[in-house]
C-alpha cells in the first residue's frame, strides 16, 4: 500500500526535532519578527543528507560550525564521487523572507564536475530529507543558485535552478533547468547577502545585496522527473506551497552565516 504524502510528512515531523534553535540572535524579537535559524554554535535544528549516505550522517564532517559560521569543507574526503550534500531545516516553511550570507573559499574537490566548482545554493520548498532515496543527488526543490567569479555554471548569482521542479514566469510555464537572474558575480572570499521572499505557491523573489534580480510564480513538481514522480505517487501536491530550506554542498568549500527568517502573514 502506498503511504499518503501527508502521513509521510507527519512521520518526518516526528522523527526530526521541531524545536527552534536554542540560542536565537538578539534580533529574534517580537518587534522585529526575525528568527535566527542558526544558533552560531552547532547544527541544532538542522539535518544532514549526503548522497549515498543515510539521513543524519554528516559524512566526513562535511558541514561543521567554526567561529559562528556554518562551513562546508572537504579536507576529509578522498574522492568527491558525486556525494552532493544538503543541510535541511527541520521545519518546513511556506510564506517568509529568508536572509543569509554566503562566501566561497578554497578549492573544489578535484574529481567534481566542472560546473559544480564555485557553485552552491539554498533550496526552498524542498522535499524532506526523510523522503529522499539513499543515492539521490538533489532534493526535488527550487534552488536559489550561488555562484562566484570563475564558475562555468552561469554569468550571475541567484539564478533559479529546478531539480525535479518547474516554475511559471511571465504567465508561462518554464521547464528550463536554469532560469537566469540579472546581475553579476562576486569574487572568491567575498561575503554576499541574499534575500529570498517566498509567498507560498504565489510568488518567489530573489535579491542580492538588497537588489531584486529575479521573480517567478507557481513553483511545482515536474511530472517528468523520476523523484518528483515518486513524490506525486505518494500524494504530494503538484503545486509547491511549502517545504524545507536546505543549504547546498556541491564540492566547493563555502561558508554560511546570519541565517534568519521572518514569517509572513497568509
C-alpha atoms as a PDB file:
ATOM      1  CA  UNK A   1       0.000   0.000   0.000  1.00  0.00           C
ATOM      2  CA  UNK A   2       1.336   3.438  -0.894  1.00  0.00           C
ATOM      3  CA  UNK A   3       1.951   5.745   2.028  1.00  0.00           C
ATOM      4  CA  UNK A   4      -0.021   9.025   1.698  1.00  0.00           C
ATOM      5  CA  UNK A   5       2.284  12.013   1.361  1.00  0.00           C
ATOM      6  CA  UNK A   6       0.745  13.812   4.339  1.00  0.00           C
ATOM      7  CA  UNK A   7       1.373  10.776   6.540  1.00  0.00           C
ATOM      8  CA  UNK A   8       4.965  10.667   5.308  1.00  0.00           C
ATOM      9  CA  UNK A   9       5.335  14.345   6.208  1.00  0.00           C
ATOM     10  CA  UNK A  10       3.921  13.706   9.711  1.00  0.00           C
ATOM     11  CA  UNK A  11       6.312  10.799  10.216  1.00  0.00           C
ATOM     12  CA  UNK A  12       9.160  13.074   9.183  1.00  0.00           C
ATOM     13  CA  UNK A  13       7.952  15.649  11.666  1.00  0.00           C
ATOM     14  CA  UNK A  14       8.003  13.106  14.486  1.00  0.00           C
ATOM     15  CA  UNK A  15      11.458  11.856  13.549  1.00  0.00           C
ATOM     16  CA  UNK A  16      13.093  15.276  13.392  1.00  0.00           C
ATOM     17  CA  UNK A  17      13.311  17.686  16.345  1.00  0.00           C
ATOM     18  CA  UNK A  18      10.901  20.583  15.783  1.00  0.00           C
ATOM     19  CA  UNK A  19      12.300  22.946  18.376  1.00  0.00           C
ATOM     20  CA  UNK A  20      13.754  26.170  17.083  1.00  0.00           C
ATOM     21  CA  UNK A  21      17.456  26.690  17.761  1.00  0.00           C
ATOM     22  CA  UNK A  22      18.002  27.129  21.469  1.00  0.00           C
ATOM     23  CA  UNK A  23      20.113  30.248  21.072  1.00  0.00           C
ATOM     24  CA  UNK A  24      18.400  32.924  18.996  1.00  0.00           C
ATOM     25  CA  UNK A  25      20.104  36.107  17.916  1.00  0.00           C
ATOM     26  CA  UNK A  26      19.301  39.425  19.622  1.00  0.00           C
ATOM     27  CA  UNK A  27      17.293  40.279  16.514  1.00  0.00           C
ATOM     28  CA  UNK A  28      14.854  37.444  17.337  1.00  0.00           C
ATOM     29  CA  UNK A  29      12.257  39.651  18.978  1.00  0.00           C
ATOM     30  CA  UNK A  30       8.527  40.032  18.523  1.00  0.00           C
ATOM     31  CA  UNK A  31       9.131  43.622  17.429  1.00  0.00           C
ATOM     32  CA  UNK A  32      11.480  42.823  14.562  1.00  0.00           C
ATOM     33  CA  UNK A  33       9.900  39.488  13.664  1.00  0.00           C
ATOM     34  CA  UNK A  34      13.226  37.942  12.670  1.00  0.00           C
ATOM     35  CA  UNK A  35      14.198  34.486  13.945  1.00  0.00           C
ATOM     36  CA  UNK A  36      17.697  33.037  13.690  1.00  0.00           C
ATOM     37  CA  UNK A  37      17.725  29.562  12.110  1.00  0.00           C
ATOM     38  CA  UNK A  38      21.351  29.037  13.157  1.00  0.00           C
ATOM     39  CA  UNK A  39      22.449  29.358  16.772  1.00  0.00           C
ATOM     40  CA  UNK A  40      26.101  30.029  15.925  1.00  0.00           C
ATOM     41  CA  UNK A  41      27.316  27.047  17.984  1.00  0.00           C
ATOM     42  CA  UNK A  42      26.206  23.788  16.365  1.00  0.00           C
ATOM     43  CA  UNK A  43      23.798  22.269  13.834  1.00  0.00           C
ATOM     44  CA  UNK A  44      20.864  22.067  16.236  1.00  0.00           C
ATOM     45  CA  UNK A  45      17.664  22.497  14.227  1.00  0.00           C
ATOM     46  CA  UNK A  46      19.199  21.111  11.013  1.00  0.00           C
ATOM     47  CA  UNK A  47      19.535  17.641   9.446  1.00  0.00           C
ATOM     48  CA  UNK A  48      22.266  16.494   7.047  1.00  0.00           C
ATOM     49  CA  UNK A  49      21.663  14.325   3.988  1.00  0.00           C
ATOM     50  CA  UNK A  50      24.681  13.369   1.874  1.00  0.00           C
ATOM     51  CA  UNK A  51      24.092  11.419  -1.344  1.00  0.00           C
ATOM     52  CA  UNK A  52      24.950   7.710  -0.876  1.00  0.00           C
ATOM     53  CA  UNK A  53      24.739   8.022   2.928  1.00  0.00           C
ATOM     54  CA  UNK A  54      21.839   7.683   5.396  1.00  0.00           C
ATOM     55  CA  UNK A  55      19.843  10.676   6.607  1.00  0.00           C
ATOM     56  CA  UNK A  56      21.572  12.329   9.533  1.00  0.00           C
ATOM     57  CA  UNK A  57      25.081  11.050   8.757  1.00  0.00           C
ATOM     58  CA  UNK A  58      27.376  14.059   8.395  1.00  0.00           C
ATOM     59  CA  UNK A  59      29.821  12.162   6.194  1.00  0.00           C
ATOM     60  CA  UNK A  60      33.444  13.335   6.526  1.00  0.00           C
ATOM     61  CA  UNK A  61      32.285  16.230   8.689  1.00  0.00           C
ATOM     62  CA  UNK A  62      31.066  17.990   5.527  1.00  0.00           C
ATOM     63  CA  UNK A  63      29.058  20.555   7.481  1.00  0.00           C
ATOM     64  CA  UNK A  64      30.792  21.996  10.526  1.00  0.00           C
ATOM     65  CA  UNK A  65      30.467  25.064  12.733  1.00  0.00           C
ATOM     66  CA  UNK A  66      33.509  27.243  13.359  1.00  0.00           C
ATOM     67  CA  UNK A  67      33.661  30.817  14.635  1.00  0.00           C
ATOM     68  CA  UNK A  68      29.896  31.260  14.394  1.00  0.00           C
ATOM     69  CA  UNK A  69      29.815  30.165  10.739  1.00  0.00           C
ATOM     70  CA  UNK A  70      28.464  27.021   9.026  1.00  0.00           C
ATOM     71  CA  UNK A  71      31.329  25.802   6.860  1.00  0.00           C
ATOM     72  CA  UNK A  72      31.222  23.240   4.052  1.00  0.00           C
ATOM     73  CA  UNK A  73      34.615  21.515   3.984  1.00  0.00           C
ATOM     74  CA  UNK A  74      36.163  18.653   2.010  1.00  0.00           C
ATOM     75  CA  UNK A  75      39.512  18.118   3.735  1.00  0.00           C
ATOM     76  CA  UNK A  76      38.347  14.684   4.977  1.00  0.00           C
ATOM     77  CA  UNK A  77      37.195  13.470   1.553  1.00  0.00           C
ATOM     78  CA  UNK A  78      39.211  11.165  -0.663  1.00  0.00           C
ATOM     79  CA  UNK A  79      37.192  11.500  -3.865  1.00  0.00           C
ATOM     80  CA  UNK A  80      34.067  13.553  -4.289  1.00  0.00           C
ATOM     81  CA  UNK A  81      32.284  10.705  -6.098  1.00  0.00           C
ATOM     82  CA  UNK A  82      29.029  12.683  -6.596  1.00  0.00           C
ATOM     83  CA  UNK A  83      28.479  12.928  -2.854  1.00  0.00           C
ATOM     84  CA  UNK A  84      26.376  16.071  -3.137  1.00  0.00           C
ATOM     85  CA  UNK A  85      25.081  17.135   0.254  1.00  0.00           C
ATOM     86  CA  UNK A  86      22.399  19.343   1.778  1.00  0.00           C
ATOM     87  CA  UNK A  87      21.732  20.675   5.258  1.00  0.00           C
ATOM     88  CA  UNK A  88      17.969  20.844   5.859  1.00  0.00           C
ATOM     89  CA  UNK A  89      15.948  22.931   8.263  1.00  0.00           C
ATOM     90  CA  UNK A  90      13.951  20.581  10.477  1.00  0.00           C
ATOM     91  CA  UNK A  91      10.876  22.734   9.985  1.00  0.00           C
ATOM     92  CA  UNK A  92       9.070  23.323   6.710  1.00  0.00           C
ATOM     93  CA  UNK A  93       8.016  26.868   5.779  1.00  0.00           C
ATOM     94  CA  UNK A  94       5.535  28.428   3.377  1.00  0.00           C
ATOM     95  CA  UNK A  95       5.408  32.246   3.492  1.00  0.00           C
ATOM     96  CA  UNK A  96       8.533  34.014   4.675  1.00  0.00           C
ATOM     97  CA  UNK A  97      11.559  36.148   3.950  1.00  0.00           C
ATOM     98  CA  UNK A  98      14.874  34.318   4.263  1.00  0.00           C
ATOM     99  CA  UNK A  99      18.118  36.215   4.699  1.00  0.00           C
ATOM    100  CA  UNK A 100      21.628  34.793   4.756  1.00  0.00           C
ATOM    101  CA  UNK A 101      25.172  35.484   3.684  1.00  0.00           C
ATOM    102  CA  UNK A 102      27.470  33.124   1.776  1.00  0.00           C
ATOM    103  CA  UNK A 103      31.156  33.145   0.948  1.00  0.00           C
ATOM    104  CA  UNK A 104      33.061  30.828  -1.392  1.00  0.00           C
ATOM    105  CA  UNK A 105      36.566  29.899  -0.354  1.00  0.00           C
ATOM    106  CA  UNK A 106      39.304  27.369  -1.061  1.00  0.00           C
ATOM    107  CA  UNK A 107      39.377  24.922  -3.939  1.00  0.00           C
ATOM    108  CA  UNK A 108      36.773  22.431  -5.126  1.00  0.00           C
ATOM    109  CA  UNK A 109      37.400  18.691  -4.890  1.00  0.00           C
ATOM    110  CA  UNK A 110      39.445  17.663  -7.937  1.00  0.00           C
ATOM    111  CA  UNK A 111      37.131  14.945  -9.297  1.00  0.00           C
ATOM    112  CA  UNK A 112      33.957  17.014  -9.040  1.00  0.00           C
ATOM    113  CA  UNK A 113      32.124  18.133 -12.203  1.00  0.00           C
ATOM    114  CA  UNK A 114      33.412  21.394 -13.669  1.00  0.00           C
ATOM    115  CA  UNK A 115      30.017  23.079 -13.282  1.00  0.00           C
ATOM    116  CA  UNK A 116      29.892  22.309  -9.538  1.00  0.00           C
ATOM    117  CA  UNK A 117      33.025  24.326  -8.796  1.00  0.00           C
ATOM    118  CA  UNK A 118      32.336  27.793  -7.297  1.00  0.00           C
ATOM    119  CA  UNK A 119      28.708  26.669  -7.146  1.00  0.00           C
ATOM    120  CA  UNK A 120      26.337  26.233  -4.209  1.00  0.00           C
ATOM    121  CA  UNK A 121      22.893  27.482  -3.225  1.00  0.00           C
ATOM    122  CA  UNK A 122      19.929  27.363  -0.895  1.00  0.00           C
ATOM    123  CA  UNK A 123      16.925  25.181  -1.634  1.00  0.00           C
ATOM    124  CA  UNK A 124      13.379  26.315  -0.844  1.00  0.00           C
ATOM    125  CA  UNK A 125      10.115  24.338  -0.902  1.00  0.00           C
ATOM    126  CA  UNK A 126      12.308  21.238  -0.645  1.00  0.00           C
ATOM    127  CA  UNK A 127      11.118  17.711  -0.008  1.00  0.00           C
ATOM    128  CA  UNK A 128      12.000  16.272   3.395  1.00  0.00           C
ATOM    129  CA  UNK A 129      15.380  14.516   3.691  1.00  0.00           C
ATOM    130  CA  UNK A 130      13.489  11.522   5.078  1.00  0.00           C
ATOM    131  CA  UNK A 131      11.655  11.169   1.765  1.00  0.00           C
ATOM    132  CA  UNK A 132      14.849  11.000  -0.321  1.00  0.00           C
ATOM    133  CA  UNK A 133      16.414   7.893  -1.829  1.00  0.00           C
ATOM    134  CA  UNK A 134      19.796   6.876  -0.420  1.00  0.00           C
ATOM    135  CA  UNK A 135      21.678   7.809  -3.595  1.00  0.00           C
ATOM    136  CA  UNK A 136      19.518  10.792  -4.605  1.00  0.00           C
ATOM    137  CA  UNK A 137      21.836  13.657  -5.562  1.00  0.00           C
ATOM    138  CA  UNK A 138      19.461  16.602  -5.037  1.00  0.00           C
ATOM    139  CA  UNK A 139      16.048  17.013  -3.459  1.00  0.00           C
ATOM    140  CA  UNK A 140      13.052  17.988  -5.543  1.00  0.00           C
ATOM    141  CA  UNK A 141      13.076  21.693  -4.732  1.00  0.00           C
ATOM    142  CA  UNK A 142      13.553  25.209  -6.030  1.00  0.00           C
ATOM    143  CA  UNK A 143      17.200  26.257  -5.843  1.00  0.00           C
ATOM    144  CA  UNK A 144      18.480  29.794  -5.376  1.00  0.00           C
ATOM    145  CA  UNK A 145      21.852  29.221  -7.027  1.00  0.00           C
ATOM    146  CA  UNK A 146      25.021  30.787  -5.593  1.00  0.00           C
ATOM    147  CA  UNK A 147      27.942  31.344  -7.985  1.00  0.00           C
ATOM    148  CA  UNK A 148      31.299  33.136  -7.841  1.00  0.00           C
ATOM    149  CA  UNK A 149      33.721  34.561 -10.395  1.00  0.00           C
ATOM    150  CA  UNK A 150      35.444  31.814 -12.359  1.00  0.00           C
ATOM    151  CA  UNK A 151      32.447  29.481 -12.428  1.00  0.00           C
ATOM    152  CA  UNK A 152      31.396  27.737 -15.622  1.00  0.00           C
ATOM    153  CA  UNK A 153      27.813  27.306 -14.366  1.00  0.00           C
ATOM    154  CA  UNK A 154      26.448  30.786 -15.112  1.00  0.00           C
ATOM    155  CA  UNK A 155      27.006  34.502 -15.562  1.00  0.00           C
ATOM    156  CA  UNK A 156      25.405  35.815 -12.363  1.00  0.00           C
ATOM    157  CA  UNK A 157      24.457  34.643  -8.909  1.00  0.00           C
ATOM    158  CA  UNK A 158      20.964  33.810  -7.624  1.00  0.00           C
ATOM    159  CA  UNK A 159      19.606  32.139 -10.733  1.00  0.00           C
ATOM    160  CA  UNK A 160      16.734  29.720 -10.154  1.00  0.00           C
ATOM    161  CA  UNK A 161      17.554  26.035 -10.708  1.00  0.00           C
ATOM    162  CA  UNK A 162      14.858  23.400 -10.858  1.00  0.00           C
ATOM    163  CA  UNK A 163      15.859  19.883  -9.725  1.00  0.00           C
ATOM    164  CA  UNK A 164      12.624  17.901 -10.065  1.00  0.00           C
ATOM    165  CA  UNK A 165      10.613  21.101 -10.450  1.00  0.00           C
ATOM    166  CA  UNK A 166       9.263  23.720 -12.851  1.00  0.00           C
ATOM    167  CA  UNK A 167       8.114  27.315 -12.423  1.00  0.00           C
ATOM    168  CA  UNK A 168       5.954  29.937 -14.107  1.00  0.00           C
ATOM    169  CA  UNK A 169       7.458  33.203 -15.316  1.00  0.00           C
ATOM    170  CA  UNK A 170       5.603  35.910 -17.181  1.00  0.00           C
ATOM    171  CA  UNK A 171       2.496  33.756 -17.186  1.00  0.00           C
ATOM    172  CA  UNK A 172       4.221  30.867 -18.987  1.00  0.00           C
ATOM    173  CA  UNK A 173       5.346  27.509 -17.624  1.00  0.00           C
ATOM    174  CA  UNK A 174       9.139  27.268 -17.802  1.00  0.00           C
ATOM    175  CA  UNK A 175      10.753  23.840 -17.902  1.00  0.00           C
ATOM    176  CA  UNK A 176      14.346  25.048 -18.281  1.00  0.00           C
ATOM    177  CA  UNK A 177      16.688  23.741 -15.581  1.00  0.00           C
ATOM    178  CA  UNK A 178      18.237  27.193 -15.106  1.00  0.00           C
ATOM    179  CA  UNK A 179      16.223  30.409 -15.154  1.00  0.00           C
ATOM    180  CA  UNK A 180      18.672  33.280 -15.262  1.00  0.00           C
ATOM    181  CA  UNK A 181      18.661  36.221 -12.882  1.00  0.00           C
ATOM    182  CA  UNK A 182      20.170  39.613 -13.676  1.00  0.00           C
ATOM    183  CA  UNK A 183      23.328  40.933 -12.064  1.00  0.00           C
ATOM    184  CA  UNK A 184      26.915  39.806 -11.738  1.00  0.00           C
ATOM    185  CA  UNK A 185      29.319  37.525  -9.873  1.00  0.00           C
ATOM    186  CA  UNK A 186      31.398  38.272  -6.782  1.00  0.00           C
ATOM    187  CA  UNK A 187      34.999  37.142  -6.287  1.00  0.00           C
ATOM    188  CA  UNK A 188      36.189  34.278  -4.120  1.00  0.00           C
ATOM    189  CA  UNK A 189      36.349  35.055  -0.383  1.00  0.00           C
ATOM    190  CA  UNK A 190      33.774  37.870  -0.536  1.00  0.00           C
ATOM    191  CA  UNK A 191      30.606  37.744   1.581  1.00  0.00           C
ATOM    192  CA  UNK A 192      27.383  38.112  -0.420  1.00  0.00           C
ATOM    193  CA  UNK A 193      23.986  38.942   1.136  1.00  0.00           C
ATOM    194  CA  UNK A 194      20.954  37.109  -0.223  1.00  0.00           C
ATOM    195  CA  UNK A 195      17.264  37.584   0.472  1.00  0.00           C
ATOM    196  CA  UNK A 196      14.549  35.209  -0.749  1.00  0.00           C
ATOM    197  CA  UNK A 197      10.949  36.362  -0.366  1.00  0.00           C
ATOM    198  CA  UNK A 198       8.527  33.445  -0.603  1.00  0.00           C
ATOM    199  CA  UNK A 199       4.743  33.725  -0.806  1.00  0.00           C
ATOM    200  CA  UNK A 200       3.750  30.067  -0.791  1.00  0.00           C
ATOM    201  CA  UNK A 201       2.889  28.989  -4.323  1.00  0.00           C
ATOM    202  CA  UNK A 202       2.107  32.529  -5.480  1.00  0.00           C
ATOM    203  CA  UNK A 203       5.427  34.330  -5.815  1.00  0.00           C
ATOM    204  CA  UNK A 204       9.174  33.986  -5.150  1.00  0.00           C
ATOM    205  CA  UNK A 205      11.627  36.916  -5.323  1.00  0.00           C
ATOM    206  CA  UNK A 206      15.448  36.683  -5.259  1.00  0.00           C
ATOM    207  CA  UNK A 207      17.514  39.653  -4.066  1.00  0.00           C
ATOM    208  CA  UNK A 208      21.303  40.087  -3.946  1.00  0.00           C
ATOM    209  CA  UNK A 209      22.790  42.751  -1.673  1.00  0.00           C
ATOM    210  CA  UNK A 210      19.322  44.319  -1.438  1.00  0.00           C
ATOM    211  CA  UNK A 211      18.626  44.420  -5.196  1.00  0.00           C
ATOM    212  CA  UNK A 212      15.931  42.294  -6.855  1.00  0.00           C
ATOM    213  CA  UNK A 213      17.423  40.004  -9.522  1.00  0.00           C
ATOM    214  CA  UNK A 214      14.619  37.513 -10.277  1.00  0.00           C
ATOM    215  CA  UNK A 215      10.974  36.777  -9.593  1.00  0.00           C
ATOM    216  CA  UNK A 216       8.711  33.905 -10.617  1.00  0.00           C
ATOM    217  CA  UNK A 217       5.412  32.263  -9.709  1.00  0.00           C
ATOM    218  CA  UNK A 218       3.852  28.854  -9.040  1.00  0.00           C
ATOM    219  CA  UNK A 219       6.803  26.581  -8.231  1.00  0.00           C
ATOM    220  CA  UNK A 220       5.728  22.999  -8.887  1.00  0.00           C
ATOM    221  CA  UNK A 221       6.921  19.425  -9.154  1.00  0.00           C
ATOM    222  CA  UNK A 222       7.958  18.209 -12.602  1.00  0.00           C
ATOM    223  CA  UNK A 223       5.965  15.044 -13.518  1.00  0.00           C
ATOM    224  CA  UNK A 224       8.746  14.058 -15.944  1.00  0.00           C
ATOM    225  CA  UNK A 225      11.349  13.763 -13.176  1.00  0.00           C
ATOM    226  CA  UNK A 226      11.642  10.306 -11.503  1.00  0.00           C
ATOM    227  CA  UNK A 227      11.972  11.659  -7.957  1.00  0.00           C
ATOM    228  CA  UNK A 228       9.155  14.158  -8.400  1.00  0.00           C
ATOM    229  CA  UNK A 229       7.041  11.420  -9.969  1.00  0.00           C
ATOM    230  CA  UNK A 230       7.630   9.262  -6.881  1.00  0.00           C
ATOM    231  CA  UNK A 231       6.512  12.093  -4.584  1.00  0.00           C
ATOM    232  CA  UNK A 232       3.397  12.669  -6.684  1.00  0.00           C
ATOM    233  CA  UNK A 233       2.579   8.948  -6.466  1.00  0.00           C
ATOM    234  CA  UNK A 234       2.790   9.223  -2.668  1.00  0.00           C
ATOM    235  CA  UNK A 235       0.216  12.010  -2.685  1.00  0.00           C
ATOM    236  CA  UNK A 236       2.352  15.148  -2.855  1.00  0.00           C
ATOM    237  CA  UNK A 237       0.555  18.089  -4.498  1.00  0.00           C
ATOM    238  CA  UNK A 238       1.796  19.214  -7.901  1.00  0.00           C
ATOM    239  CA  UNK A 239       1.955  22.856  -6.814  1.00  0.00           C
ATOM    240  CA  UNK A 240       4.598  23.586  -4.169  1.00  0.00           C
ATOM    241  CA  UNK A 241       3.411  25.932  -1.453  1.00  0.00           C
ATOM    242  CA  UNK A 242       5.747  24.886   1.385  1.00  0.00           C
ATOM    243  CA  UNK A 243       8.826  22.842   2.143  1.00  0.00           C
ATOM    244  CA  UNK A 244      12.179  22.712   3.858  1.00  0.00           C
ATOM    245  CA  UNK A 245      15.088  25.120   3.464  1.00  0.00           C
ATOM    246  CA  UNK A 246      18.414  23.438   2.612  1.00  0.00           C
ATOM    247  CA  UNK A 247      21.985  24.715   2.272  1.00  0.00           C
ATOM    248  CA  UNK A 248      23.959  23.106  -0.548  1.00  0.00           C
ATOM    249  CA  UNK A 249      27.357  21.423  -0.657  1.00  0.00           C
ATOM    250  CA  UNK A 250      28.386  20.746  -4.259  1.00  0.00           C
ATOM    251  CA  UNK A 251      32.166  20.128  -3.936  1.00  0.00           C
ATOM    252  CA  UNK A 252      33.277  23.750  -3.367  1.00  0.00           C
ATOM    253  CA  UNK A 253      34.095  24.942   0.175  1.00  0.00           C
ATOM    254  CA  UNK A 254      31.506  27.574   1.107  1.00  0.00           C
ATOM    255  CA  UNK A 255      30.537  29.365   4.316  1.00  0.00           C
ATOM    256  CA  UNK A 256      27.107  30.483   5.549  1.00  0.00           C
ATOM    257  CA  UNK A 257      26.226  32.922   8.308  1.00  0.00           C
ATOM    258  CA  UNK A 258      23.435  35.211   9.610  1.00  0.00           C
ATOM    259  CA  UNK A 259      20.689  32.792   8.529  1.00  0.00           C
ATOM    260  CA  UNK A 260      17.414  34.442   9.542  1.00  0.00           C
ATOM    261  CA  UNK A 261      13.745  34.094   8.687  1.00  0.00           C
ATOM    262  CA  UNK A 262      10.707  36.339   9.055  1.00  0.00           C
ATOM    263  CA  UNK A 263       7.336  34.624   8.728  1.00  0.00           C
ATOM    264  CA  UNK A 264       4.757  36.408   6.572  1.00  0.00           C
ATOM    265  CA  UNK A 265       1.016  36.555   7.056  1.00  0.00           C
ATOM    266  CA  UNK A 266      -1.068  34.269   4.802  1.00  0.00           C
END
